[in-house]
Amino acid sequence: MPGMPDLILKAPVLKRLETLSRIPGIKNSQKLKDAIKRLDGDPIDPDNRLVKIARDLGLYASDAEADHFKQHWLDDPAGTGFWPGIDTESILRKGLWLACKKFKSSGLPCEYFWVISGDQNTTRWEMSVSKGKHQLTIMIHTPQFPCFVPTVHAANMWIVREEAGAVISRKVLIPQP
């Protein structure tokens, strides 16, 4: 079963999160304060579910996009996700809460990356938040998973690795939007 083609990419929702972080004045907005409170709130409360928070923030414009996130990323219903048996929602909640708190205190724009393990046998699923001089870098680290969609070359990411006995460099392949 083929996995995702390359090990780092930006999903469209990550680009939308980056755009939000660049809106003037957003770091002091009620919208951000509410998101932080909801991410830290009771995860059973329907208003605090990640899909609801994402929809309320305008990160998903359609039911289909939100359903993809709910099913494939959050494994809801159970057993239908990319990483069944891993509590991805709890990790995402805490990681996004931390990213929002660091954004609120620093005002630095955010850059998000999805880093996919090359090891198909791992269950590593975590987030990292790094504060640099000019930005916050947030990485979502996930295990490999099957990919059955067409890919295109990313405009601004490259990979250098060994393929067929030669070291190559090329643009990263990402799922076609």
Protein backbone atom coordinates (compact mmCIF):
# COMPACT_ATOMS: atom_id res chain seq x y z
CA MET A 1 0.00 0.00 0.00
CA PRO A 2 1.63 3.30 -1.05
CA GLY A 3 2.14 5.97 1.59
CA MET A 4 2.30 9.71 1.25
CA PRO A 5 4.95 10.51 -1.36
CA ASP A 6 7.22 12.79 0.67
CA LEU A 7 7.92 13.47 4.29
CA ILE A 8 6.98 17.14 4.72
CA LEU A 9 4.12 19.16 3.33
CA LYS A 10 1.55 21.86 3.95
CA ALA A 11 -2.07 20.83 3.96
CA PRO A 12 -4.46 23.59 2.81
CA VAL A 13 -5.81 24.04 6.35
CA LEU A 14 -2.28 24.71 7.60
CA LYS A 15 -1.96 27.53 5.06
CA ARG A 16 -5.25 28.96 6.34
CA LEU A 17 -3.90 28.86 9.93
CA GLU A 18 -0.81 30.74 8.75
CA THR A 19 -2.99 33.36 7.06
CA LEU A 20 -4.98 33.86 10.27
CA SER A 21 -1.75 34.52 12.19
CA ARG A 22 -0.90 37.36 9.80
CA ILE A 23 -4.11 39.36 10.23
CA PRO A 24 -3.20 42.67 11.88
CA GLY A 25 -4.47 42.82 15.47
CA ILE A 26 -5.56 39.16 15.59
CA LYS A 27 -3.26 38.39 18.53
CA ASN A 28 -5.44 40.59 20.76
CA SER A 29 -8.76 39.55 19.28
CA GLN A 30 -11.68 37.97 21.08
CA LYS A 31 -11.61 35.27 18.39
CA LEU A 32 -8.15 34.14 19.55
CA LYS A 33 -9.08 34.39 23.24
CA ASP A 34 -12.15 32.23 22.58
CA ALA A 35 -10.13 29.66 20.62
CA ILE A 36 -7.59 29.36 23.46
CA LYS A 37 -10.38 28.94 26.02
CA ARG A 38 -12.18 26.32 23.91
CA LEU A 39 -8.98 24.37 23.17
CA ASP A 40 -8.30 24.25 26.92
CA GLY A 41 -11.95 23.52 27.76
CA ASP A 42 -13.88 20.29 28.24
CA PRO A 43 -13.26 18.28 25.03
CA ILE A 44 -16.63 16.53 25.44
CA ASP A 45 -18.54 19.83 25.14
CA PRO A 46 -19.78 19.94 21.51
CA ASP A 47 -18.69 23.60 21.22
CA ASN A 48 -15.13 22.62 22.18
CA ARG A 49 -14.72 19.81 19.64
CA LEU A 50 -11.85 20.52 17.23
CA VAL A 51 -14.05 20.30 14.16
CA LYS A 52 -16.47 22.89 15.61
CA ILE A 53 -13.63 25.23 16.59
CA ALA A 54 -12.10 24.91 13.10
CA ARG A 55 -15.45 25.60 11.41
CA ASP A 56 -16.10 28.61 13.66
CA LEU A 57 -12.68 30.03 12.77
CA GLY A 58 -13.39 29.62 9.05
CA LEU A 59 -10.68 27.01 8.55
CA TYR A 60 -13.09 24.68 6.75
CA ALA A 61 -15.44 26.23 4.23
CA SER A 62 -17.41 23.09 3.48
CA ASP A 63 -18.90 20.11 5.25
CA ALA A 64 -16.77 17.82 3.05
CA GLU A 65 -13.53 19.44 4.28
CA ALA A 66 -14.64 19.28 7.91
CA ASP A 67 -15.78 15.68 7.49
CA HIS A 68 -12.37 14.73 6.05
CA PHE A 69 -10.67 16.22 9.12
CA LYS A 70 -13.10 14.54 11.50
CA GLN A 71 -12.87 11.11 9.89
CA HIS A 72 -9.30 10.86 8.65
CA TRP A 73 -7.43 12.99 11.19
CA LEU A 74 -9.57 12.52 14.31
CA ASP A 75 -10.64 8.90 13.60
CA ASP A 76 -14.35 9.68 14.06
CA PRO A 77 -16.08 7.32 13.70
CA ALA A 78 -13.47 5.11 15.36
CA GLY A 79 -11.45 2.91 13.02
CA THR A 80 -11.93 5.10 9.92
CA GLY A 81 -8.95 7.43 10.36
CA PHE A 82 -5.44 7.52 8.98
CA TRP A 83 -4.08 6.55 12.41
CA PRO A 84 -6.71 4.42 14.19
CA GLY A 85 -6.16 3.94 17.89
CA ILE A 86 -4.07 7.12 18.34
CA ASP A 87 -5.75 9.95 20.27
CA THR A 88 -4.90 12.57 17.68
CA GLU A 89 -7.56 15.00 18.89
CA SER A 90 -5.98 15.34 22.35
CA ILE A 91 -2.53 15.91 20.85
CA LEU A 92 -3.85 18.45 18.34
CA ARG A 93 -5.86 20.25 21.05
CA LYS A 94 -2.85 20.66 23.33
CA GLY A 95 -0.47 21.52 20.48
CA LEU A 96 -2.81 24.10 18.96
CA TRP A 97 -3.53 25.53 22.42
CA LEU A 98 0.22 25.96 22.99
CA ALA A 99 0.73 27.49 19.53
CA CYS A 100 -2.12 29.95 20.16
CA LYS A 101 -0.74 30.90 23.59
CA LYS A 102 2.75 31.49 22.14
CA PHE A 103 1.24 33.47 19.26
CA LYS A 104 -0.80 35.61 21.66
CA SER A 105 2.24 36.41 23.81
CA SER A 106 4.68 37.02 20.96
CA GLY A 107 2.59 38.20 18.01
CA LEU A 108 4.97 36.30 15.73
CA PRO A 109 3.39 34.87 12.57
CA CYS A 110 3.01 31.11 12.45
CA GLU A 111 4.39 28.67 9.91
CA TYR A 112 2.92 25.15 9.96
CA PHE A 113 4.40 21.94 8.55
CA TRP A 114 3.14 18.38 8.47
CA VAL A 115 6.06 15.98 8.90
CA ILE A 116 5.29 12.36 7.97
CA SER A 117 7.51 9.59 9.25
CA GLY A 118 9.30 7.55 6.62
CA ASP A 119 8.96 4.54 8.93
CA GLN A 120 5.66 2.79 8.26
CA ASN A 121 5.93 0.90 11.57
CA THR A 122 5.91 3.91 13.90
CA THR A 123 3.05 5.20 16.04
CA ARG A 124 4.79 8.54 16.71
CA TRP A 125 2.15 11.28 16.59
CA GLU A 126 3.19 14.57 18.16
CA MET A 127 3.45 18.30 17.67
CA SER A 128 6.36 20.66 18.15
CA VAL A 129 6.14 24.42 18.65
CA SER A 130 9.34 26.43 18.19
CA LYS A 131 9.75 30.16 18.75
CA GLY A 132 12.29 31.77 16.48
CA LYS A 133 13.31 35.38 16.06
CA HIS A 134 10.82 36.05 13.24
CA GLN A 135 8.15 33.35 13.48
CA LEU A 136 6.64 30.45 15.38
CA THR A 137 7.19 27.13 13.63
CA ILE A 138 4.60 24.46 14.37
CA MET A 139 5.16 20.91 13.14
CA ILE A 140 2.70 18.06 13.23
CA HIS A 141 4.64 14.78 13.25
CA THR A 142 2.61 11.75 12.12
CA PRO A 143 3.13 8.14 11.11
CA GLN A 144 2.98 7.15 7.45
CA PHE A 145 -0.47 6.37 6.01
CA PRO A 146 -1.92 5.25 2.67
CA CYS A 147 -2.34 7.88 -0.05
CA PHE A 148 -4.57 7.28 -3.03
CA VAL A 149 -4.79 10.79 -4.47
CA PRO A 150 -2.89 12.45 -7.33
CA THR A 151 0.13 14.57 -6.42
CA VAL A 152 1.74 17.75 -7.72
CA HIS A 153 5.11 19.37 -7.09
CA ALA A 154 5.16 21.94 -4.27
CA ALA A 155 6.16 25.43 -5.26
CA ASN A 156 8.51 26.10 -2.36
CA MET A 157 9.68 22.86 -0.73
CA TRP A 158 12.41 20.48 -1.87
CA ILE A 159 13.61 17.09 -0.75
CA VAL A 160 17.11 15.64 -0.98
CA ARG A 161 17.38 11.88 -0.56
CA GLU A 162 18.67 8.67 -2.01
CA GLU A 163 16.55 7.07 -4.70
CA ALA A 164 17.61 4.05 -6.73
CA GLY A 165 21.21 4.34 -5.57
CA ALA A 166 21.63 8.05 -6.41
CA VAL A 167 21.22 11.15 -4.25
CA ILE A 168 18.63 13.40 -5.87
CA SER A 169 16.97 16.71 -5.13
CA ARG A 170 13.52 17.62 -6.39
CA LYS A 171 10.42 19.54 -5.43
CA VAL A 172 8.36 17.81 -2.75
CA LEU A 173 5.29 15.96 -4.01
CA ILE A 174 2.08 16.96 -2.26
CA PRO A 175 -1.54 15.81 -2.65
CA GLN A 176 -3.34 17.68 -5.42
CA PRO A 177 -5.76 20.22 -3.89
